[in-house]
């Protein structure tokens, strides 16, 4: 199968999942993952997924926001005046 046919099948499956009231984010994740499997195989899909998860978790913004919230909670619990 060529990439265009796989793409059309995946778009149809995505529309079916959305019509069945499946959460949109999970629908995109599932369709994208299975589409990648159809194009590159299992090994390529799992290595790409691992790379994306790691790069998403190591972004600078994702470390500063929770630490800022933690600092605010510590200041509130210690009774620091505003």
PDB file of N, CA and C in Angstrom:
ATOM      1  N   UNK A   1       0.838  -1.182   0.000  1.00  0.00           N
ATOM      2  CA  UNK A   1       0.000   0.000   0.000  1.00  0.00           C
ATOM      3  C   UNK A   1       0.884   1.247   0.000  1.00  0.00           C
ATOM      4  N   UNK A   2       0.459   2.244  -0.723  1.00  0.00           N
ATOM      5  CA  UNK A   2       1.239   3.474  -0.750  1.00  0.00           C
ATOM      6  C   UNK A   2       0.779   4.415   0.375  1.00  0.00           C
ATOM      7  N   UNK A   3       1.529   5.472   0.559  1.00  0.00           N
ATOM      8  CA  UNK A   3       1.293   6.385   1.677  1.00  0.00           C
ATOM      9  C   UNK A   3      -0.041   7.122   1.547  1.00  0.00           C
ATOM     10  N   UNK A   4      -0.460   7.434   0.341  1.00  0.00           N
ATOM     11  CA  UNK A   4      -1.728   8.138   0.150  1.00  0.00           C
ATOM     12  C   UNK A   4      -2.913   7.278   0.586  1.00  0.00           C
ATOM     13  N   UNK A   5      -2.888   6.018   0.222  1.00  0.00           N
ATOM     14  CA  UNK A   5      -3.964   5.113   0.620  1.00  0.00           C
ATOM     15  C   UNK A   5      -4.013   4.947   2.130  1.00  0.00           C
ATOM     16  N   UNK A   6      -2.862   4.799   2.747  1.00  0.00           N
ATOM     17  CA  UNK A   6      -2.803   4.679   4.206  1.00  0.00           C
ATOM     18  C   UNK A   6      -3.319   5.955   4.853  1.00  0.00           C
ATOM     19  N   UNK A   7      -2.963   7.098   4.307  1.00  0.00           N
ATOM     20  CA  UNK A   7      -3.431   8.372   4.848  1.00  0.00           C
ATOM     21  C   UNK A   7      -4.942   8.515   4.764  1.00  0.00           C
ATOM     22  N   UNK A   8      -5.525   8.121   3.654  1.00  0.00           N
ATOM     23  CA  UNK A   8      -6.976   8.204   3.492  1.00  0.00           C
ATOM     24  C   UNK A   8      -7.679   7.266   4.473  1.00  0.00           C
ATOM     25  N   UNK A   9      -7.160   6.058   4.628  1.00  0.00           N
ATOM     26  CA  UNK A   9      -7.742   5.108   5.576  1.00  0.00           C
ATOM     27  C   UNK A   9      -7.657   5.646   6.996  1.00  0.00           C
ATOM     28  N   UNK A  10      -6.527   6.255   7.345  1.00  0.00           N
ATOM     29  CA  UNK A  10      -6.361   6.780   8.700  1.00  0.00           C
ATOM     30  C   UNK A  10      -7.280   7.974   8.959  1.00  0.00           C
ATOM     31  N   UNK A  11      -7.507   8.820   7.973  1.00  0.00           N
ATOM     32  CA  UNK A  11      -8.421   9.954   8.147  1.00  0.00           C
ATOM     33  C   UNK A  11      -9.845   9.450   8.341  1.00  0.00           C
ATOM     34  N   UNK A  12     -10.235   8.450   7.582  1.00  0.00           N
ATOM     35  CA  UNK A  12     -11.573   7.872   7.751  1.00  0.00           C
ATOM     36  C   UNK A  12     -11.716   7.259   9.148  1.00  0.00           C
ATOM     37  N   UNK A  13     -10.698   6.535   9.597  1.00  0.00           N
ATOM     38  CA  UNK A  13     -10.734   5.955  10.945  1.00  0.00           C
ATOM     39  C   UNK A  13     -10.789   7.049  12.003  1.00  0.00           C
ATOM     40  N   UNK A  14     -10.086   8.140  11.784  1.00  0.00           N
ATOM     41  CA  UNK A  14     -10.113   9.259  12.735  1.00  0.00           C
ATOM     42  C   UNK A  14     -11.507   9.858  12.823  1.00  0.00           C
ATOM     43  N   UNK A  15     -12.143  10.058  11.694  1.00  0.00           N
ATOM     44  CA  UNK A  15     -13.503  10.602  11.690  1.00  0.00           C
ATOM     45  C   UNK A  15     -14.462   9.649  12.398  1.00  0.00           C
ATOM     46  N   UNK A  16     -14.301   8.342  12.170  1.00  0.00           N
ATOM     47  CA  UNK A  16     -15.158   7.360  12.841  1.00  0.00           C
ATOM     48  C   UNK A  16     -14.963   7.430  14.349  1.00  0.00           C
ATOM     49  N   UNK A  17     -13.721   7.528  14.816  1.00  0.00           N
ATOM     50  CA  UNK A  17     -13.473   7.609  16.255  1.00  0.00           C
ATOM     51  C   UNK A  17     -14.068   8.881  16.853  1.00  0.00           C
ATOM     52  N   UNK A  18     -13.969   9.984  16.141  1.00  0.00           N
ATOM     53  CA  UNK A  18     -14.518  11.243  16.650  1.00  0.00           C
ATOM     54  C   UNK A  18     -16.048  11.183  16.679  1.00  0.00           C
ATOM     55  N   UNK A  19     -16.660  10.577  15.669  1.00  0.00           N
ATOM     56  CA  UNK A  19     -18.122  10.437  15.653  1.00  0.00           C
ATOM     57  C   UNK A  19     -18.589   9.534  16.800  1.00  0.00           C
ATOM     58  N   UNK A  20     -17.788   8.556  17.158  1.00  0.00           N
ATOM     59  CA  UNK A  20     -18.119   7.667  18.277  1.00  0.00           C
ATOM     60  C   UNK A  20     -17.820   8.290  19.634  1.00  0.00           C
ATOM     61  N   UNK A  21     -17.522   9.589  19.652  1.00  0.00           N
ATOM     62  CA  UNK A  21     -17.256  10.374  20.862  1.00  0.00           C
ATOM     63  C   UNK A  21     -16.028   9.896  21.636  1.00  0.00           C
ATOM     64  N   UNK A  22     -15.025   9.431  20.902  1.00  0.00           N
ATOM     65  CA  UNK A  22     -13.731   9.104  21.488  1.00  0.00           C
ATOM     66  C   UNK A  22     -12.999  10.414  21.721  1.00  0.00           C
ATOM     67  N   UNK A  23     -12.266  10.592  22.820  1.00  0.00           N
ATOM     68  CA  UNK A  23     -11.550  11.855  23.030  1.00  0.00           C
ATOM     69  C   UNK A  23     -10.595  12.161  21.861  1.00  0.00           C
ATOM     70  N   UNK A  24     -10.621  13.398  21.423  1.00  0.00           N
ATOM     71  CA  UNK A  24      -9.916  13.785  20.199  1.00  0.00           C
ATOM     72  C   UNK A  24      -8.404  13.575  20.325  1.00  0.00           C
ATOM     73  N   UNK A  25      -7.839  13.931  21.458  1.00  0.00           N
ATOM     74  CA  UNK A  25      -6.397  13.765  21.638  1.00  0.00           C
ATOM     75  C   UNK A  25      -5.959  12.317  21.547  1.00  0.00           C
ATOM     76  N   UNK A  26      -6.731  11.433  22.186  1.00  0.00           N
ATOM     77  CA  UNK A  26      -6.404  10.008  22.127  1.00  0.00           C
ATOM     78  C   UNK A  26      -6.629   9.449  20.728  1.00  0.00           C
ATOM     79  N   UNK A  27      -7.651   9.960  20.055  1.00  0.00           N
ATOM     80  CA  UNK A  27      -7.917   9.510  18.682  1.00  0.00           C
ATOM     81  C   UNK A  27      -6.735   9.868  17.774  1.00  0.00           C
ATOM     82  N   UNK A  28      -6.238  11.096  17.897  1.00  0.00           N
ATOM     83  CA  UNK A  28      -5.070  11.493  17.096  1.00  0.00           C
ATOM     84  C   UNK A  28      -3.850  10.644  17.442  1.00  0.00           C
ATOM     85  N   UNK A  29      -3.649  10.370  18.723  1.00  0.00           N
ATOM     86  CA  UNK A  29      -2.507   9.556  19.147  1.00  0.00           C
ATOM     87  C   UNK A  29      -2.582   8.153  18.555  1.00  0.00           C
ATOM     88  N   UNK A  30      -3.726   7.532  18.664  1.00  0.00           N
ATOM     89  CA  UNK A  30      -3.888   6.165  18.177  1.00  0.00           C
ATOM     90  C   UNK A  30      -3.752   6.109  16.656  1.00  0.00           C
ATOM     91  N   UNK A  31      -4.430   7.014  15.971  1.00  0.00           N
ATOM     92  CA  UNK A  31      -4.380   7.008  14.507  1.00  0.00           C
ATOM     93  C   UNK A  31      -2.966   7.316  14.013  1.00  0.00           C
ATOM     94  N   UNK A  32      -2.308   8.276  14.631  1.00  0.00           N
ATOM     95  CA  UNK A  32      -0.940   8.597  14.227  1.00  0.00           C
ATOM     96  C   UNK A  32       0.018   7.454  14.458  1.00  0.00           C
ATOM     97  N   UNK A  33      -0.141   6.781  15.595  1.00  0.00           N
ATOM     98  CA  UNK A  33       0.747   5.665  15.911  1.00  0.00           C
ATOM     99  C   UNK A  33       0.552   4.507  14.935  1.00  0.00           C
ATOM    100  N   UNK A  34      -0.710   4.146  14.689  1.00  0.00           N
ATOM    101  CA  UNK A  34      -0.955   3.039  13.765  1.00  0.00           C
ATOM    102  C   UNK A  34      -0.623   3.412  12.319  1.00  0.00           C
ATOM    103  N   UNK A  35      -0.780   4.666  11.965  1.00  0.00           N
ATOM    104  CA  UNK A  35      -0.355   5.100  10.643  1.00  0.00           C
ATOM    105  C   UNK A  35       1.157   5.012  10.479  1.00  0.00           C
ATOM    106  N   UNK A  36       1.871   5.371  11.542  1.00  0.00           N
ATOM    107  CA  UNK A  36       3.332   5.267  11.499  1.00  0.00           C
ATOM    108  C   UNK A  36       3.771   3.812  11.418  1.00  0.00           C
ATOM    109  N   UNK A  37       3.035   2.940  12.121  1.00  0.00           N
ATOM    110  CA  UNK A  37       3.340   1.504  12.035  1.00  0.00           C
ATOM    111  C   UNK A  37       3.135   1.018  10.606  1.00  0.00           C
ATOM    112  N   UNK A  38       2.062   1.466   9.968  1.00  0.00           N
ATOM    113  CA  UNK A  38       1.793   1.027   8.593  1.00  0.00           C
ATOM    114  C   UNK A  38       2.869   1.518   7.628  1.00  0.00           C
ATOM    115  N   UNK A  39       3.443   2.674   7.907  1.00  0.00           N
ATOM    116  CA  UNK A  39       4.455   3.218   6.994  1.00  0.00           C
ATOM    117  C   UNK A  39       5.864   2.719   7.288  1.00  0.00           C
ATOM    118  N   UNK A  40       6.234   2.660   8.571  1.00  0.00           N
ATOM    119  CA  UNK A  40       7.625   2.355   8.923  1.00  0.00           C
ATOM    120  C   UNK A  40       7.840   1.034   9.651  1.00  0.00           C
ATOM    121  N   UNK A  41       6.783   0.411  10.139  1.00  0.00           N
ATOM    122  CA  UNK A  41       6.932  -0.841  10.877  1.00  0.00           C
ATOM    123  C   UNK A  41       6.965  -0.589  12.378  1.00  0.00           C
ATOM    124  N   UNK A  42       6.932  -1.704  13.122  1.00  0.00           N
ATOM    125  CA  UNK A  42       6.864  -1.617  14.584  1.00  0.00           C
ATOM    126  C   UNK A  42       8.109  -0.983  15.193  1.00  0.00           C
ATOM    127  N   UNK A  43       9.286  -1.371  14.721  1.00  0.00           N
ATOM    128  CA  UNK A  43      10.522  -0.846  15.309  1.00  0.00           C
ATOM    129  C   UNK A  43      10.641   0.662  15.138  1.00  0.00           C
ATOM    130  N   UNK A  44      10.330   1.138  13.951  1.00  0.00           N
ATOM    131  CA  UNK A  44      10.383   2.577  13.703  1.00  0.00           C
ATOM    132  C   UNK A  44       9.375   3.344  14.532  1.00  0.00           C
ATOM    133  N   UNK A  45       8.183   2.783  14.705  1.00  0.00           N
ATOM    134  CA  UNK A  45       7.138   3.459  15.471  1.00  0.00           C
ATOM    135  C   UNK A  45       7.507   3.558  16.947  1.00  0.00           C
ATOM    136  N   UNK A  46       8.019   2.475  17.513  1.00  0.00           N
ATOM    137  CA  UNK A  46       8.368   2.507  18.938  1.00  0.00           C
ATOM    138  C   UNK A  46       9.577   3.393  19.213  1.00  0.00           C
ATOM    139  N   UNK A  47      10.547   3.418  18.312  1.00  0.00           N
ATOM    140  CA  UNK A  47      11.693   4.293  18.526  1.00  0.00           C
ATOM    141  C   UNK A  47      11.287   5.759  18.396  1.00  0.00           C
ATOM    142  N   UNK A  48      10.384   6.066  17.464  1.00  0.00           N
ATOM    143  CA  UNK A  48       9.896   7.441  17.311  1.00  0.00           C
ATOM    144  C   UNK A  48       9.088   7.864  18.528  1.00  0.00           C
ATOM    145  N   UNK A  49       8.247   6.959  19.042  1.00  0.00           N
ATOM    146  CA  UNK A  49       7.443   7.258  20.216  1.00  0.00           C
ATOM    147  C   UNK A  49       8.335   7.522  21.426  1.00  0.00           C
ATOM    148  N   UNK A  50       9.365   6.713  21.609  1.00  0.00           N
ATOM    149  CA  UNK A  50      10.275   6.909  22.738  1.00  0.00           C
ATOM    150  C   UNK A  50      11.016   8.234  22.617  1.00  0.00           C
ATOM    151  N   UNK A  51      11.433   8.587  21.423  1.00  0.00           N
ATOM    152  CA  UNK A  51      12.133   9.852  21.211  1.00  0.00           C
ATOM    153  C   UNK A  51      11.223  11.038  21.506  1.00  0.00           C
ATOM    154  N   UNK A  52       9.973  10.973  21.049  1.00  0.00           N
ATOM    155  CA  UNK A  52       9.036  12.074  21.271  1.00  0.00           C
ATOM    156  C   UNK A  52       8.683  12.221  22.748  1.00  0.00           C
ATOM    157  N   UNK A  53       8.488  11.125  23.452  1.00  0.00           N
ATOM    158  CA  UNK A  53       8.171  11.196  24.882  1.00  0.00           C
ATOM    159  C   UNK A  53       9.341  11.801  25.648  1.00  0.00           C
ATOM    160  N   UNK A  54      10.556  11.375  25.344  1.00  0.00           N
ATOM    161  CA  UNK A  54      11.722  11.901  26.040  1.00  0.00           C
ATOM    162  C   UNK A  54      11.921  13.381  25.748  1.00  0.00           C
ATOM    163  N   UNK A  55      11.792  13.797  24.491  1.00  0.00           N
ATOM    164  CA  UNK A  55      12.003  15.205  24.157  1.00  0.00           C
ATOM    165  C   UNK A  55      10.889  16.073  24.728  1.00  0.00           C
ATOM    166  N   UNK A  56       9.691  15.540  24.849  1.00  0.00           N
ATOM    167  CA  UNK A  56       8.599  16.302  25.442  1.00  0.00           C
ATOM    168  C   UNK A  56       8.773  16.510  26.934  1.00  0.00           C
ATOM    169  N   UNK A  57       9.368  15.543  27.606  1.00  0.00           N
ATOM    170  CA  UNK A  57       9.550  15.632  29.065  1.00  0.00           C
ATOM    171  C   UNK A  57      10.771  16.451  29.459  1.00  0.00           C
ATOM    172  N   UNK A  58      11.656  16.725  28.541  1.00  0.00           N
ATOM    173  CA  UNK A  58      12.875  17.446  28.890  1.00  0.00           C
ATOM    174  C   UNK A  58      12.861  18.902  28.452  1.00  0.00           C
ATOM    175  N   UNK A  59      11.700  19.439  28.119  1.00  0.00           N
ATOM    176  CA  UNK A  59      11.620  20.842  27.739  1.00  0.00           C
ATOM    177  C   UNK A  59      11.767  21.719  28.974  1.00  0.00           C
ATOM    178  N   UNK A  60      12.378  22.878  28.810  1.00  0.00           N
ATOM    179  CA  UNK A  60      12.654  23.768  29.924  1.00  0.00           C
ATOM    180  C   UNK A  60      11.372  24.275  30.577  1.00  0.00           C
ATOM    181  N   UNK A  61      10.376  24.612  29.780  1.00  0.00           N
ATOM    182  CA  UNK A  61       9.128  25.137  30.328  1.00  0.00           C
ATOM    183  C   UNK A  61       8.431  24.116  31.218  1.00  0.00           C
ATOM    184  N   UNK A  62       8.516  22.851  30.871  1.00  0.00           N
ATOM    185  CA  UNK A  62       7.851  21.827  31.665  1.00  0.00           C
ATOM    186  C   UNK A  62       8.534  21.583  33.004  1.00  0.00           C
ATOM    187  N   UNK A  63       9.729  22.103  33.197  1.00  0.00           N
ATOM    188  CA  UNK A  63      10.362  21.993  34.510  1.00  0.00           C
ATOM    189  C   UNK A  63      10.175  23.248  35.333  1.00  0.00           C
ATOM    190  N   UNK A  64      10.057  24.408  34.710  1.00  0.00           N
ATOM    191  CA  UNK A  64       9.946  25.645  35.476  1.00  0.00           C
ATOM    192  C   UNK A  64       8.548  25.876  36.032  1.00  0.00           C
ATOM    193  N   UNK A  65       7.522  25.535  35.303  1.00  0.00           N
ATOM    194  CA  UNK A  65       6.157  25.790  35.771  1.00  0.00           C
ATOM    195  C   UNK A  65       5.833  24.991  37.033  1.00  0.00           C
ATOM    196  N   UNK A  66       6.073  23.676  37.093  1.00  0.00           N
ATOM    197  CA  UNK A  66       5.783  22.962  38.340  1.00  0.00           C
ATOM    198  C   UNK A  66       6.632  23.448  39.519  1.00  0.00           C
ATOM    199  N   UNK A  67       7.871  23.833  39.267  1.00  0.00           N
ATOM    200  CA  UNK A  67       8.698  24.339  40.362  1.00  0.00           C
ATOM    201  C   UNK A  67       8.212  25.688  40.850  1.00  0.00           C
ATOM    202  N   UNK A  68       7.674  26.517  39.973  1.00  0.00           N
ATOM    203  CA  UNK A  68       7.101  27.796  40.378  1.00  0.00           C
ATOM    204  C   UNK A  68       5.867  27.572  41.248  1.00  0.00           C
ATOM    205  N   UNK A  69       5.023  26.613  40.865  1.00  0.00           N
ATOM    206  CA  UNK A  69       3.848  26.288  41.667  1.00  0.00           C
ATOM    207  C   UNK A  69       4.273  25.730  43.024  1.00  0.00           C
ATOM    208  N   UNK A  70       5.282  24.874  43.050  1.00  0.00           N
ATOM    209  CA  UNK A  70       5.794  24.328  44.311  1.00  0.00           C
ATOM    210  C   UNK A  70       6.332  25.438  45.209  1.00  0.00           C
ATOM    211  N   UNK A  71       7.037  26.401  44.642  1.00  0.00           N
ATOM    212  CA  UNK A  71       7.544  27.529  45.424  1.00  0.00           C
ATOM    213  C   UNK A  71       6.391  28.321  46.028  1.00  0.00           C
ATOM    214  N   UNK A  72       5.319  28.537  45.282  1.00  0.00           N
ATOM    215  CA  UNK A  72       4.157  29.241  45.807  1.00  0.00           C
ATOM    216  C   UNK A  72       3.481  28.476  46.929  1.00  0.00           C
ATOM    217  N   UNK A  73       3.393  27.160  46.804  1.00  0.00           N
ATOM    218  CA  UNK A  73       2.788  26.343  47.853  1.00  0.00           C
ATOM    219  C   UNK A  73       3.623  26.369  49.127  1.00  0.00           C
ATOM    220  N   UNK A  74       4.925  26.324  48.978  1.00  0.00           N
ATOM    221  CA  UNK A  74       5.809  26.382  50.150  1.00  0.00           C
ATOM    222  C   UNK A  74       5.696  27.741  50.826  1.00  0.00           C
ATOM    223  N   UNK A  75       5.631  28.810  50.043  1.00  0.00           N
ATOM    224  CA  UNK A  75       5.490  30.150  50.620  1.00  0.00           C
ATOM    225  C   UNK A  75       4.148  30.294  51.327  1.00  0.00           C
ATOM    226  N   UNK A  76       3.081  29.732  50.770  1.00  0.00           N
ATOM    227  CA  UNK A  76       1.764  29.813  51.400  1.00  0.00           C
ATOM    228  C   UNK A  76       1.722  29.003  52.692  1.00  0.00           C
ATOM    229  N   UNK A  77       2.325  27.807  52.680  1.00  0.00           N
ATOM    230  CA  UNK A  77       2.300  26.949  53.860  1.00  0.00           C
ATOM    231  C   UNK A  77       3.154  27.524  54.982  1.00  0.00           C
ATOM    232  N   UNK A  78       4.178  28.308  54.659  1.00  0.00           N
ATOM    233  CA  UNK A  78       5.040  28.865  55.697  1.00  0.00           C
ATOM    234  C   UNK A  78       4.467  30.137  56.290  1.00  0.00           C
ATOM    235  N   UNK A  79       3.379  30.647  55.717  1.00  0.00           N
ATOM    236  CA  UNK A  79       2.753  31.850  56.259  1.00  0.00           C
ATOM    237  C   UNK A  79       3.436  33.130  55.810  1.00  0.00           C
ATOM    238  N   UNK A  80       4.146  33.092  54.728  1.00  0.00           N
ATOM    239  CA  UNK A  80       4.814  34.276  54.192  1.00  0.00           C
ATOM    240  C   UNK A  80       3.771  35.299  53.784  1.00  0.00           C
ATOM    241  N   UNK A  81       3.885  36.533  54.264  1.00  0.00           N
ATOM    242  CA  UNK A  81       2.860  37.531  53.915  1.00  0.00           C
ATOM    243  C   UNK A  81       2.939  37.884  52.416  1.00  0.00           C
ATOM    244  N   UNK A  82       1.775  38.201  51.808  1.00  0.00           N
ATOM    245  CA  UNK A  82       1.768  38.499  50.365  1.00  0.00           C
ATOM    246  C   UNK A  82       2.398  39.779  50.021  1.00  0.00           C
TER     247      UNK A  82
END
